[in-house]
N, C-alpha and C. Protein backbone atom coordinates (compact mmCIF):
# COMPACT_ATOMS: atom_id res chain seq x y z
N MET A 1 16.64 53.97 20.99
CA MET A 1 16.54 52.58 20.64
C MET A 1 17.73 51.82 21.19
N SER A 2 17.48 50.60 21.55
CA SER A 2 18.57 49.79 22.07
C SER A 2 19.34 49.17 20.91
N SER A 3 20.56 48.80 21.20
CA SER A 3 21.40 48.24 20.14
C SER A 3 21.08 46.78 19.87
N ALA A 4 20.38 46.10 20.80
CA ALA A 4 20.05 44.68 20.62
C ALA A 4 18.75 44.57 19.84
N THR A 5 18.82 43.90 18.74
CA THR A 5 17.62 43.66 17.94
C THR A 5 17.07 42.28 18.28
N PRO A 6 15.80 42.05 18.01
CA PRO A 6 15.23 40.74 18.32
C PRO A 6 15.96 39.58 17.64
N ALA A 7 16.54 39.80 16.50
CA ALA A 7 17.22 38.72 15.78
C ALA A 7 18.55 38.36 16.45
N THR A 8 19.19 39.29 17.13
CA THR A 8 20.51 39.02 17.71
C THR A 8 20.44 38.62 19.17
N THR A 9 19.32 38.79 19.83
CA THR A 9 19.24 38.39 21.24
C THR A 9 19.08 36.88 21.30
N SER A 10 19.84 36.29 22.19
CA SER A 10 19.76 34.83 22.32
C SER A 10 18.79 34.49 23.45
N TRP A 11 18.27 33.31 23.37
CA TRP A 11 17.33 32.84 24.39
C TRP A 11 18.13 32.48 25.62
N HIS A 12 17.63 32.88 26.77
CA HIS A 12 18.33 32.55 28.01
C HIS A 12 17.30 32.06 29.04
N PHE A 13 17.80 31.34 30.01
CA PHE A 13 16.97 30.72 31.04
C PHE A 13 16.91 31.66 32.24
N ASN A 14 15.72 32.09 32.58
CA ASN A 14 15.54 33.02 33.68
C ASN A 14 15.57 32.26 35.00
N ARG A 15 16.26 32.76 35.99
CA ARG A 15 16.36 32.09 37.29
C ARG A 15 15.05 32.18 38.07
N GLN A 16 14.17 33.02 37.67
CA GLN A 16 12.92 33.19 38.40
C GLN A 16 11.83 32.26 37.86
N LEU A 17 12.26 31.16 37.31
CA LEU A 17 11.32 30.17 36.80
C LEU A 17 10.49 29.65 37.97
N GLY A 18 9.21 29.64 37.81
CA GLY A 18 8.34 29.27 38.91
C GLY A 18 8.33 27.78 39.20
N LEU A 19 8.01 27.47 40.43
CA LEU A 19 7.92 26.08 40.87
C LEU A 19 6.82 25.35 40.11
N ALA A 20 5.78 26.05 39.76
CA ALA A 20 4.67 25.43 39.03
C ALA A 20 5.11 24.96 37.65
N VAL A 21 5.96 25.74 37.01
CA VAL A 21 6.45 25.36 35.68
C VAL A 21 7.33 24.11 35.78
N ILE A 22 8.19 24.08 36.79
CA ILE A 22 9.05 22.91 37.00
C ILE A 22 8.20 21.69 37.31
N ALA A 23 7.21 21.84 38.18
CA ALA A 23 6.33 20.72 38.52
C ALA A 23 5.57 20.23 37.29
N THR A 24 5.13 21.16 36.46
CA THR A 24 4.41 20.78 35.24
C THR A 24 5.31 19.98 34.31
N LEU A 25 6.55 20.41 34.15
CA LEU A 25 7.47 19.68 33.29
C LEU A 25 7.76 18.28 33.83
N VAL A 26 7.92 18.17 35.13
CA VAL A 26 8.17 16.86 35.74
C VAL A 26 6.95 15.96 35.56
N LEU A 27 5.77 16.52 35.77
CA LEU A 27 4.54 15.74 35.60
C LEU A 27 4.37 15.29 34.15
N GLN A 28 4.65 16.15 33.21
CA GLN A 28 4.55 15.77 31.80
C GLN A 28 5.55 14.67 31.45
N GLY A 29 6.74 14.77 32.00
CA GLY A 29 7.74 13.73 31.76
C GLY A 29 7.30 12.39 32.33
N ALA A 30 6.74 12.41 33.54
CA ALA A 30 6.25 11.18 34.14
C ALA A 30 5.09 10.60 33.34
N THR A 31 4.22 11.47 32.84
CA THR A 31 3.09 11.01 32.03
C THR A 31 3.57 10.35 30.75
N VAL A 32 4.58 10.92 30.13
CA VAL A 32 5.14 10.34 28.91
C VAL A 32 5.72 8.96 29.20
N LEU A 33 6.42 8.82 30.31
CA LEU A 33 6.99 7.52 30.67
C LEU A 33 5.91 6.49 30.94
N LEU A 34 4.84 6.89 31.64
CA LEU A 34 3.74 5.97 31.89
C LEU A 34 3.06 5.56 30.59
N TRP A 35 2.84 6.51 29.72
CA TRP A 35 2.19 6.21 28.44
C TRP A 35 3.05 5.24 27.63
N ALA A 36 4.35 5.47 27.59
CA ALA A 36 5.25 4.59 26.84
C ALA A 36 5.26 3.19 27.44
N GLY A 37 5.22 3.09 28.76
CA GLY A 37 5.18 1.79 29.42
C GLY A 37 3.91 1.04 29.09
N ARG A 38 2.78 1.73 29.10
CA ARG A 38 1.51 1.09 28.76
C ARG A 38 1.50 0.65 27.30
N ALA A 39 2.03 1.48 26.42
CA ALA A 39 2.07 1.14 25.00
C ALA A 39 2.95 -0.10 24.78
N ALA A 40 4.07 -0.16 25.48
CA ALA A 40 4.96 -1.32 25.35
C ALA A 40 4.27 -2.59 25.85
N GLU A 41 3.51 -2.47 26.93
CA GLU A 41 2.78 -3.63 27.46
C GLU A 41 1.71 -4.09 26.49
N ARG A 42 0.98 -3.15 25.89
CA ARG A 42 -0.04 -3.53 24.89
C ARG A 42 0.60 -4.22 23.70
N ILE A 43 1.72 -3.72 23.26
CA ILE A 43 2.42 -4.35 22.13
C ILE A 43 2.87 -5.75 22.51
N ARG A 44 3.37 -5.93 23.72
CA ARG A 44 3.80 -7.26 24.16
C ARG A 44 2.63 -8.23 24.19
N GLN A 45 1.48 -7.78 24.68
CA GLN A 45 0.30 -8.64 24.72
C GLN A 45 -0.17 -9.01 23.31
N LEU A 46 -0.15 -8.04 22.40
CA LEU A 46 -0.56 -8.32 21.03
C LEU A 46 0.40 -9.30 20.35
N GLU A 47 1.68 -9.17 20.61
CA GLU A 47 2.64 -10.12 20.06
C GLU A 47 2.39 -11.52 20.61
N HIS A 48 2.10 -11.61 21.90
CA HIS A 48 1.82 -12.91 22.51
C HIS A 48 0.57 -13.53 21.88
N ARG A 49 -0.47 -12.73 21.68
CA ARG A 49 -1.69 -13.24 21.04
C ARG A 49 -1.42 -13.70 19.62
N ALA A 50 -0.62 -12.94 18.90
CA ALA A 50 -0.30 -13.30 17.51
C ALA A 50 0.46 -14.62 17.46
N GLU A 51 1.36 -14.83 18.41
CA GLU A 51 2.09 -16.10 18.46
C GLU A 51 1.15 -17.25 18.75
N SER A 52 0.24 -17.08 19.69
CA SER A 52 -0.68 -18.17 20.02
C SER A 52 -1.64 -18.44 18.88
N VAL A 53 -2.05 -17.40 18.15
CA VAL A 53 -2.94 -17.60 17.01
C VAL A 53 -2.21 -18.35 15.91
N SER A 54 -0.94 -18.05 15.68
CA SER A 54 -0.19 -18.76 14.64
C SER A 54 -0.02 -20.22 15.02
N ASP A 55 0.16 -20.53 16.31
CA ASP A 55 0.25 -21.91 16.75
C ASP A 55 -1.06 -22.64 16.49
N VAL A 56 -2.16 -22.00 16.77
CA VAL A 56 -3.47 -22.61 16.57
C VAL A 56 -3.73 -22.82 15.08
N SER A 57 -3.40 -21.84 14.25
CA SER A 57 -3.63 -22.00 12.81
C SER A 57 -2.75 -23.10 12.24
N GLU A 58 -1.55 -23.25 12.77
CA GLU A 58 -0.67 -24.34 12.32
C GLU A 58 -1.27 -25.69 12.70
N ARG A 59 -1.77 -25.81 13.90
CA ARG A 59 -2.40 -27.06 14.34
C ARG A 59 -3.65 -27.34 13.52
N LEU A 60 -4.42 -26.31 13.21
CA LEU A 60 -5.63 -26.48 12.41
C LEU A 60 -5.29 -26.97 11.01
N ALA A 61 -4.24 -26.45 10.42
CA ALA A 61 -3.83 -26.91 9.09
C ALA A 61 -3.43 -28.38 9.13
N ARG A 62 -2.73 -28.80 10.18
CA ARG A 62 -2.36 -30.21 10.30
C ARG A 62 -3.60 -31.09 10.47
N LEU A 63 -4.56 -30.62 11.27
CA LEU A 63 -5.79 -31.38 11.45
C LEU A 63 -6.59 -31.50 10.16
N GLU A 64 -6.64 -30.44 9.38
CA GLU A 64 -7.35 -30.49 8.10
C GLU A 64 -6.70 -31.50 7.17
N THR A 65 -5.37 -31.53 7.13
CA THR A 65 -4.66 -32.50 6.30
C THR A 65 -4.97 -33.91 6.77
N HIS A 66 -4.98 -34.11 8.06
CA HIS A 66 -5.29 -35.42 8.62
C HIS A 66 -6.72 -35.84 8.28
N MET A 67 -7.65 -34.90 8.33
CA MET A 67 -9.05 -35.21 7.99
C MET A 67 -9.18 -35.61 6.52
N VAL A 68 -8.45 -34.93 5.65
CA VAL A 68 -8.49 -35.28 4.22
C VAL A 68 -7.98 -36.70 4.02
N GLN A 69 -6.88 -37.02 4.67
CA GLN A 69 -6.32 -38.37 4.56
C GLN A 69 -7.28 -39.41 5.14
N THR A 70 -7.94 -39.09 6.24
CA THR A 70 -8.89 -40.01 6.85
C THR A 70 -10.08 -40.23 5.92
N ARG A 71 -10.58 -39.17 5.30
CA ARG A 71 -11.70 -39.33 4.35
C ARG A 71 -11.30 -40.18 3.15
N GLN A 72 -10.07 -39.98 2.66
CA GLN A 72 -9.60 -40.79 1.55
C GLN A 72 -9.52 -42.27 1.95
N SER A 73 -9.02 -42.54 3.14
CA SER A 73 -8.94 -43.92 3.64
C SER A 73 -10.34 -44.51 3.79
N LEU A 74 -11.25 -43.74 4.31
CA LEU A 74 -12.63 -44.20 4.48
C LEU A 74 -13.27 -44.50 3.13
N GLY A 75 -12.99 -43.67 2.16
CA GLY A 75 -13.52 -43.90 0.80
C GLY A 75 -12.99 -45.19 0.22
N ARG A 76 -11.70 -45.47 0.40
CA ARG A 76 -11.13 -46.73 -0.09
C ARG A 76 -11.75 -47.92 0.61
N ILE A 77 -11.95 -47.81 1.91
CA ILE A 77 -12.57 -48.90 2.68
C ILE A 77 -13.99 -49.15 2.19
N GLU A 78 -14.75 -48.08 1.98
CA GLU A 78 -16.12 -48.24 1.49
C GLU A 78 -16.15 -48.87 0.11
N ASN A 79 -15.23 -48.47 -0.76
CA ASN A 79 -15.15 -49.07 -2.11
C ASN A 79 -14.86 -50.56 -2.03
N GLN A 80 -13.95 -50.94 -1.15
CA GLN A 80 -13.63 -52.36 -1.00
C GLN A 80 -14.82 -53.15 -0.48
N LEU A 81 -15.56 -52.56 0.47
CA LEU A 81 -16.75 -53.22 1.01
C LEU A 81 -17.84 -53.36 -0.06
N ASP A 82 -17.98 -52.32 -0.89
CA ASP A 82 -18.99 -52.37 -1.95
C ASP A 82 -18.63 -53.46 -2.97
N ARG A 83 -17.37 -53.68 -3.28
CA ARG A 83 -16.94 -54.71 -4.23
C ARG A 83 -17.15 -56.09 -3.68
N GLN A 84 -17.04 -56.24 -2.37
CA GLN A 84 -17.20 -57.56 -1.75
C GLN A 84 -18.67 -57.97 -1.69
N GLU A 85 -19.56 -57.06 -1.67
CA GLU A 85 -20.98 -57.38 -1.54
C GLU A 85 -21.56 -57.82 -2.81
C-alpha cells in the first residue's frame, strides 16, 4: 500500500491538459459574457419602457384631472343657461 491516502493527496494541475479542454473553457467563458451582455441589454430596454410608461401614466392623470375640471365648468355653464331661460 502506498503511504498517500485519498484524503491527504492534494489536487494538482496536470500539464497534459488537452487543447480541447482549454478550448471548451474559453468557449464557455465567452458564452457567459455574451449571455450577461444580452441580459444587461434586456434590462436596459425594460427600464426604458418602464420610464416611458410612467411618463404616459403621469400625463394621463393630468388629463383626467383636466377633464373633471372641464366637466364641472360645463355643468356650471349649463346651470346658468337653464336659469336664464
